[in-house]
Amino acid sequence: MKATITAIGGFVPNSILSNEMISRMVDTTDDWIVKRTGIKERRLATDQNLATSDLATAAIENLFDTYEIDRLEIDALVLATATPDHLLTPTASKVCELSGFTNAFGFDLNGACSGFLYALEMATTMIESGRYKKVVVVGADTMSSIVDYEDRNTCILFGDGAGAVLLEKTDLEHGMMKSILRTDGSGTSALLVPAGGSKTPATMQSIIHREHFIKQEGSFVFKKAVESMSSVSQETLASNNLTVEDVDWVVPHQANLRIIKSVSEHLNIGIEKVKVNIDKYGNTTSATIPLCLWDFKDDFKEGQNILITTFGAGFSWGATCIKWGVMRALKAVESSTVGKILKHDLMCQ
């Protein structure tokens, strides 16, 4: 028994934050941002008062509005996010309620930018155990809630969004292959939000010193990302008896276009095989991989080999391979009343 992706959904807020708009906040230019990151614009949920639960729910509704699925058959929801609605309670609880998953349990998983890959591995093992048949995996983050728009080094990078996939069992050879996941806590201080957790609870001083926003050692993180994504991708291909020539598509974490190109060069895989949408959304953390799958789903054909690789805070990184399977039947027309109401309320597009 294997697990395979059979449906994909996605959502990004309407509000756009362009490079030109950022140049009015901090000392930067559109040309500098594009050259350094490849990002042209990013989406903001906070302008529409949307929380991470709203983004996740909208991505799930897009999935249900697109494919023929009975939401009552969903066994579990695994929500990857670094920006939960609250420290307590789990954001997945609210998403289960909003999505009508009355027969499912849900939980949050924080693997930072590798969160969706970690969640996908978790859901895969749940399916392969035989105890669960249908698991929804979501990557969703409202990064604008923890970005300091006075910090030029970080405010240019991040955006908001969510993507969702349905994972089901299959008896075919298609589906999820072996993954290799890694964690190195020694890199914690290089990329983190210093205050707000149990180690440094919120105080007036932490607020004054802007310690509830992302802090990053950019050049160090850049180097580690290239090294880690390249090496773990090579290991993962070997563990699945694949070579770079067998790879049809690469779906990398969308943190920086220069990182993506460097990984492509290290792997000796042409950039034409690498899926990139960072120019539209920026780094959406847990959402980058599922948003890429959503954006380019029509390019993936049955039997093709897809390599996914990520790197993020923690440090957390990893890679997996997918032999693309058969997607569920598309709905002829949008019929989800819940989805229509939600999309009207959230101003989805």
Protein backbone atom coordinates (compact mmCIF):
# COMPACT_ATOMS: atom_id res chain seq x y z
CA MET A 1 0.00 0.00 0.00
CA LYS A 2 1.26 3.46 -0.90
CA ALA A 3 0.03 7.01 -0.44
CA THR A 4 -0.62 9.29 -3.39
CA ILE A 5 -1.78 12.87 -3.96
CA THR A 6 -5.20 12.89 -5.63
CA ALA A 7 -6.34 16.52 -5.29
CA ILE A 8 -4.77 19.96 -4.84
CA GLY A 9 -6.12 23.33 -3.69
CA GLY A 10 -4.65 26.74 -3.00
CA PHE A 11 -5.38 30.26 -1.87
CA VAL A 12 -3.60 33.61 -1.75
CA PRO A 13 -5.12 36.87 -0.46
CA ASN A 14 -6.15 39.60 -2.86
CA SER A 15 -3.97 42.30 -1.30
CA ILE A 16 -0.63 42.73 -3.09
CA LEU A 17 2.52 44.23 -1.60
CA SER A 18 4.80 45.18 -4.48
CA ASN A 19 8.49 45.99 -4.37
CA GLU A 20 7.69 49.59 -5.20
CA MET A 21 5.43 49.78 -2.15
CA ILE A 22 8.17 48.30 0.06
CA SER A 23 10.64 50.87 -1.28
CA ARG A 24 8.48 53.53 0.39
CA MET A 25 8.86 51.79 3.77
CA VAL A 26 12.60 50.99 3.82
CA ASP A 27 15.73 51.94 1.90
CA THR A 28 15.52 49.62 -1.10
CA THR A 29 14.44 49.49 -4.75
CA ASP A 30 12.51 47.14 -6.97
CA ASP A 31 15.66 46.41 -8.98
CA TRP A 32 17.67 45.54 -5.83
CA ILE A 33 14.97 43.19 -4.49
CA VAL A 34 14.53 41.37 -7.81
CA LYS A 35 18.29 40.90 -8.26
CA ARG A 36 18.82 39.68 -4.69
CA THR A 37 15.71 37.50 -4.29
CA GLY A 38 13.73 37.12 -7.53
CA ILE A 39 10.64 38.45 -5.75
CA LYS A 40 8.44 41.04 -7.44
CA GLU A 41 5.41 41.00 -5.15
CA ARG A 42 3.84 39.13 -2.28
CA ARG A 43 0.31 38.73 -0.87
CA LEU A 44 -0.87 40.07 2.50
CA ALA A 45 -3.60 38.48 4.62
CA THR A 46 -3.48 41.10 7.36
CA ASP A 47 -4.91 43.75 5.03
CA GLN A 48 -8.07 41.62 4.85
CA ASN A 49 -7.98 40.63 8.55
CA LEU A 50 -7.39 36.99 7.60
CA ALA A 51 -5.77 34.60 10.06
CA THR A 52 -3.90 31.41 9.21
CA SER A 53 -7.06 29.38 9.82
CA ASP A 54 -8.84 31.47 7.17
CA LEU A 55 -6.06 30.89 4.62
CA ALA A 56 -5.97 27.14 5.31
CA THR A 57 -9.75 26.82 5.12
CA ALA A 58 -9.90 28.74 1.84
CA ALA A 59 -7.27 26.45 0.29
CA ILE A 60 -9.23 23.40 1.44
CA GLU A 61 -12.45 24.84 0.02
CA ASN A 62 -10.72 25.42 -3.29
CA LEU A 63 -9.73 21.75 -3.27
CA PHE A 64 -13.30 20.62 -2.52
CA ASP A 65 -14.76 23.01 -5.08
CA THR A 66 -12.44 21.60 -7.75
CA TYR A 67 -12.63 17.84 -7.19
CA GLU A 68 -15.30 15.24 -6.42
CA ILE A 69 -14.67 14.47 -2.73
CA ASP A 70 -16.90 13.74 0.25
CA ARG A 71 -15.57 15.77 3.17
CA LEU A 72 -17.19 13.34 5.63
CA GLU A 73 -14.72 10.68 4.45
CA ILE A 74 -11.70 12.70 5.59
CA ASP A 75 -9.94 10.89 8.44
CA ALA A 76 -7.39 13.50 9.49
CA LEU A 77 -6.01 16.98 8.87
CA VAL A 78 -2.30 17.73 9.25
CA LEU A 79 -1.74 21.49 9.25
CA ALA A 80 1.80 22.75 8.77
CA THR A 81 2.20 26.31 10.01
CA ALA A 82 4.72 28.54 11.77
CA THR A 83 2.10 31.23 12.40
CA PRO A 84 -0.81 29.64 14.29
CA ASP A 85 -3.87 31.70 15.15
CA HIS A 86 -3.02 31.28 18.84
CA LEU A 87 -0.25 29.64 20.87
CA LEU A 88 -3.11 27.66 22.37
CA THR A 89 -5.43 26.22 20.85
CA PRO A 90 -4.31 24.33 17.71
CA THR A 91 -5.21 26.15 14.50
CA ALA A 92 -6.15 22.78 12.98
CA SER A 93 -9.10 22.59 15.38
CA LYS A 94 -10.63 25.73 13.88
CA VAL A 95 -9.86 24.59 10.35
CA CYS A 96 -11.61 21.26 10.97
CA GLU A 97 -14.68 23.15 12.16
CA LEU A 98 -14.71 25.60 9.26
CA SER A 99 -14.08 22.83 6.71
CA GLY A 100 -16.79 20.51 8.00
CA PHE A 101 -14.39 17.69 8.91
CA THR A 102 -16.74 16.25 11.52
CA ASN A 103 -15.30 12.73 11.23
CA ALA A 104 -11.65 13.79 11.34
CA PHE A 105 -9.08 14.80 13.92
CA GLY A 106 -6.55 17.53 13.23
CA PHE A 107 -3.28 18.81 14.59
CA ASP A 108 -0.66 21.49 13.90
CA LEU A 109 2.92 20.75 12.88
CA ASN A 110 5.61 23.44 12.95
CA GLY A 111 8.59 22.62 10.77
CA ALA A 112 9.01 26.21 9.57
CA CYS A 113 9.75 26.27 5.82
CA SER A 114 10.05 22.47 5.83
CA GLY A 115 6.70 22.13 7.59
CA PHE A 116 4.67 20.96 4.61
CA LEU A 117 7.25 18.33 3.69
CA TYR A 118 7.33 17.07 7.28
CA ALA A 119 3.51 17.00 7.32
CA LEU A 120 3.43 15.16 4.00
CA GLU A 121 5.76 12.51 5.42
CA MET A 122 3.60 12.22 8.54
CA ALA A 123 0.44 11.80 6.48
CA THR A 124 2.16 9.30 4.18
CA THR A 125 3.05 7.04 7.09
CA MET A 126 -0.51 7.36 8.41
CA ILE A 127 -1.85 6.12 5.07
CA GLU A 128 0.78 3.38 4.72
CA SER A 129 -0.06 2.07 8.20
CA GLY A 130 -3.50 1.13 6.88
CA ARG A 131 -5.29 2.93 9.71
CA TYR A 132 -6.26 5.99 7.64
CA LYS A 133 -7.57 6.25 4.09
CA LYS A 134 -7.89 9.97 3.38
CA VAL A 135 -5.72 12.67 4.96
CA VAL A 136 -5.72 16.36 4.04
CA VAL A 137 -2.31 18.03 4.34
CA VAL A 138 -2.17 21.83 4.43
CA GLY A 139 0.68 24.32 4.47
CA ALA A 140 -0.48 27.78 5.55
CA ASP A 141 1.27 30.84 6.95
CA THR A 142 0.44 34.47 7.67
CA MET A 143 4.02 35.67 7.64
CA SER A 144 2.98 39.33 7.55
CA SER A 145 1.95 38.91 11.21
CA ILE A 146 5.58 38.35 12.27
CA VAL A 147 7.47 40.47 9.72
CA ASP A 148 9.08 43.76 10.78
CA TYR A 149 8.34 46.22 7.98
CA GLU A 150 11.14 48.42 9.27
CA ASP A 151 13.73 45.67 8.67
CA ARG A 152 14.92 45.71 5.06
CA ASN A 153 16.64 42.33 5.42
CA THR A 154 13.43 40.42 6.11
CA CYS A 155 10.40 42.46 5.02
CA ILE A 156 11.24 41.99 1.34
CA LEU A 157 11.14 38.20 1.61
CA PHE A 158 7.87 36.99 3.05
CA GLY A 159 4.24 36.72 1.99
CA ASP A 160 1.01 34.96 2.99
CA GLY A 161 -0.80 32.01 1.47
CA ALA A 162 -1.94 28.40 1.78
CA GLY A 163 -1.98 25.20 -0.21
CA ALA A 164 -3.69 21.86 0.43
CA VAL A 165 -3.46 18.31 -0.91
CA LEU A 166 -5.52 15.18 -0.39
CA LEU A 167 -3.48 12.07 0.28
CA GLU A 168 -5.09 8.67 -0.32
CA LYS A 169 -4.05 5.04 -0.41
CA THR A 170 -3.26 3.39 -3.72
CA ASP A 171 -2.28 -0.10 -4.81
CA LEU A 172 -0.47 1.28 -7.86
CA GLU A 173 3.24 2.08 -8.13
CA HIS A 174 2.45 5.79 -8.22
CA GLY A 175 2.68 7.99 -5.17
CA MET A 176 5.02 8.97 -2.37
CA MET A 177 8.51 7.49 -2.39
CA LYS A 178 11.20 7.53 0.30
CA SER A 179 11.94 10.81 2.07
CA ILE A 180 15.00 11.99 3.95
CA LEU A 181 14.37 14.64 6.62
CA ARG A 182 16.96 16.43 8.73
CA THR A 183 17.11 18.78 11.75
CA ASP A 184 20.04 20.71 13.24
CA GLY A 185 19.18 22.79 16.28
CA SER A 186 22.57 24.52 16.29
CA GLY A 187 21.21 26.83 13.60
CA THR A 188 18.31 28.04 15.72
CA SER A 189 19.73 31.50 16.47
CA ALA A 190 20.31 32.25 12.77
CA LEU A 191 16.60 32.35 11.93
CA LEU A 192 13.94 32.81 14.58
CA VAL A 193 11.38 35.00 16.30
CA PRO A 194 13.17 35.66 19.63
CA ALA A 195 10.24 36.41 21.93
CA GLY A 196 6.68 35.24 22.52
CA GLY A 197 7.32 31.61 23.46
CA SER A 198 8.04 29.91 26.77
CA LYS A 199 11.77 30.72 26.67
CA THR A 200 11.16 34.48 26.34
CA PRO A 201 7.53 35.31 27.20
CA ALA A 202 6.09 38.58 25.96
CA THR A 203 6.96 41.64 28.04
CA MET A 204 6.87 45.37 27.48
CA GLN A 205 10.63 45.24 26.86
CA SER A 206 10.33 42.50 24.24
CA ILE A 207 7.75 44.58 22.42
CA ILE A 208 9.85 47.75 22.59
CA HIS A 209 12.87 45.88 21.21
CA ARG A 210 10.75 44.40 18.38
CA GLU A 211 11.60 40.83 19.39
CA HIS A 212 8.31 39.41 18.15
CA PHE A 213 9.43 39.71 14.54
CA ILE A 214 11.63 37.45 12.38
CA LYS A 215 15.38 37.89 12.78
CA GLN A 216 17.69 36.31 10.22
CA GLU A 217 21.41 36.00 9.47
CA GLY A 218 20.86 36.11 5.74
CA SER A 219 24.24 35.12 4.30
CA PHE A 220 24.69 32.20 6.73
CA VAL A 221 21.17 30.88 6.10
CA PHE A 222 21.71 31.23 2.32
CA LYS A 223 24.87 29.10 2.39
CA LYS A 224 23.35 26.42 4.62
CA ALA A 225 20.22 26.25 2.46
CA VAL A 226 22.15 25.60 -0.74
CA GLU A 227 24.41 23.00 0.88
CA SER A 228 21.59 21.20 2.69
CA MET A 229 19.01 21.14 -0.11
CA SER A 230 21.59 19.97 -2.65
CA SER A 231 23.03 17.16 -0.52
CA VAL A 232 19.70 15.85 0.79
CA SER A 233 18.24 15.85 -2.73
CA GLN A 234 21.14 13.72 -3.97
CA GLU A 235 20.70 11.34 -1.02
CA THR A 236 16.96 11.07 -1.62
CA LEU A 237 17.34 10.35 -5.32
CA ALA A 238 19.85 7.60 -4.53
CA SER A 239 17.58 6.09 -1.86
CA ASN A 240 14.82 5.82 -4.48
CA ASN A 241 17.16 4.38 -7.14
CA LEU A 242 16.75 7.50 -9.27
CA THR A 243 19.29 9.67 -11.08
CA VAL A 244 19.00 13.33 -12.03
CA GLU A 245 18.11 12.16 -15.55
CA ASP A 246 15.02 10.45 -14.10
CA VAL A 247 13.71 13.69 -12.59
CA ASP A 248 10.94 15.34 -14.61
CA TRP A 249 10.29 18.26 -12.27
CA VAL A 250 11.86 19.85 -9.18
CA VAL A 251 9.60 21.67 -6.70
CA PRO A 252 11.91 23.52 -4.29
CA HIS A 253 11.12 25.68 -1.30
CA GLN A 254 10.63 29.23 -2.56
CA ALA A 255 12.92 31.25 -0.29
CA ASN A 256 15.19 33.00 -2.76
CA LEU A 257 15.62 32.61 -6.52
CA ARG A 258 19.40 32.59 -6.14
CA ILE A 259 19.14 29.64 -3.73
CA ILE A 260 16.87 27.81 -6.19
CA LYS A 261 19.27 28.38 -9.10
CA SER A 262 22.29 27.34 -7.01
CA VAL A 263 20.59 24.08 -5.97
CA SER A 264 19.68 23.43 -9.61
CA GLU A 265 23.32 23.89 -10.61
CA HIS A 266 24.61 21.68 -7.78
CA LEU A 267 22.23 18.91 -8.85
CA ASN A 268 23.02 19.42 -12.54
CA ILE A 269 19.30 19.70 -13.30
CA GLY A 270 18.32 22.33 -15.87
CA ILE A 271 16.41 25.31 -14.50
CA GLU A 272 13.71 24.60 -17.10
CA LYS A 273 12.72 21.60 -14.97
CA VAL A 274 12.47 23.67 -11.79
CA LYS A 275 9.11 25.12 -10.76
CA VAL A 276 9.33 28.74 -9.57
CA ASN A 277 6.59 31.11 -8.38
CA ILE A 278 8.52 33.12 -5.80
CA ASP A 279 8.19 36.19 -8.03
CA LYS A 280 4.42 36.27 -7.34
CA TYR A 281 4.19 35.23 -3.70
CA GLY A 282 7.56 35.62 -1.98
CA ASN A 283 8.42 33.14 0.76
CA THR A 284 5.17 31.83 2.22
CA THR A 285 7.07 29.42 4.53
CA SER A 286 4.89 26.28 5.03
CA ALA A 287 2.83 27.17 1.96
CA THR A 288 5.55 27.40 -0.70
CA ILE A 289 5.56 23.73 -1.74
CA PRO A 290 1.76 23.21 -1.91
CA LEU A 291 1.30 26.56 -3.69
CA CYS A 292 3.84 25.44 -6.28
CA LEU A 293 2.02 22.13 -6.71
CA TRP A 294 -1.23 24.08 -7.08
CA ASP A 295 0.14 26.62 -9.55
CA PHE A 296 1.73 24.00 -11.81
CA LYS A 297 -0.58 21.00 -11.29
CA ASP A 298 -1.53 20.86 -14.97
CA ASP A 299 2.13 20.31 -15.91
CA PHE A 300 2.48 17.15 -13.82
CA LYS A 301 1.63 14.00 -15.75
CA GLU A 302 0.95 10.47 -14.57
CA GLY A 303 4.17 8.53 -14.04
CA GLN A 304 6.46 11.56 -13.90
CA ASN A 305 9.07 11.81 -11.14
CA ILE A 306 8.90 14.94 -8.99
CA LEU A 307 11.64 15.93 -6.55
CA ILE A 308 10.65 18.16 -3.61
CA THR A 309 13.28 19.78 -1.40
CA THR A 310 13.08 22.30 1.45
CA PHE A 311 15.11 24.22 4.00
CA GLY A 312 14.01 26.40 6.88
CA ALA A 313 14.37 27.59 10.45
CA GLY A 314 15.39 25.01 12.99
CA PHE A 315 17.44 24.33 10.93
CA SER A 316 14.99 21.96 9.21
CA TRP A 317 15.43 20.48 5.74
CA GLY A 318 14.66 17.47 3.63
CA ALA A 319 13.63 16.01 0.29
CA THR A 320 11.20 13.49 -1.11
CA CYS A 321 10.25 12.03 -4.46
CA ILE A 322 6.79 11.49 -5.90
CA LYS A 323 5.80 9.38 -8.86
CA TRP A 324 2.81 11.41 -9.94
CA GLY A 325 -0.44 9.47 -9.91
CA VAL A 326 -4.02 9.80 -11.08
CA MET A 327 -5.90 12.84 -9.84
CA ARG A 328 -9.54 12.70 -8.79
CA ALA A 329 -12.28 13.68 -11.24
CA LEU A 330 -12.90 17.41 -11.58
CA LYS A 331 -16.28 18.86 -10.76
CA ALA A 332 -18.22 20.03 -13.78
CA VAL A 333 -19.40 23.16 -11.96
CA GLU A 334 -18.70 24.67 -8.56
CA SER A 335 -21.28 23.23 -6.20
CA SER A 336 -19.97 23.76 -2.68
CA THR A 337 -22.32 26.15 -0.87
CA VAL A 338 -19.92 26.33 2.06
CA GLY A 339 -17.09 27.17 -0.31
CA LYS A 340 -19.07 29.89 -2.05
CA ILE A 341 -20.02 31.53 1.23
CA LEU A 342 -16.46 31.31 2.53
CA LYS A 343 -14.96 32.72 -0.64
CA HIS A 344 -17.41 35.61 -0.57
CA ASP A 345 -16.56 36.35 3.04
CA LEU A 346 -12.80 36.14 2.52
CA MET A 347 -12.84 37.86 -0.88
CA CYS A 348 -11.07 34.86 -2.38
CA GLN A 349 -10.11 34.85 -6.01
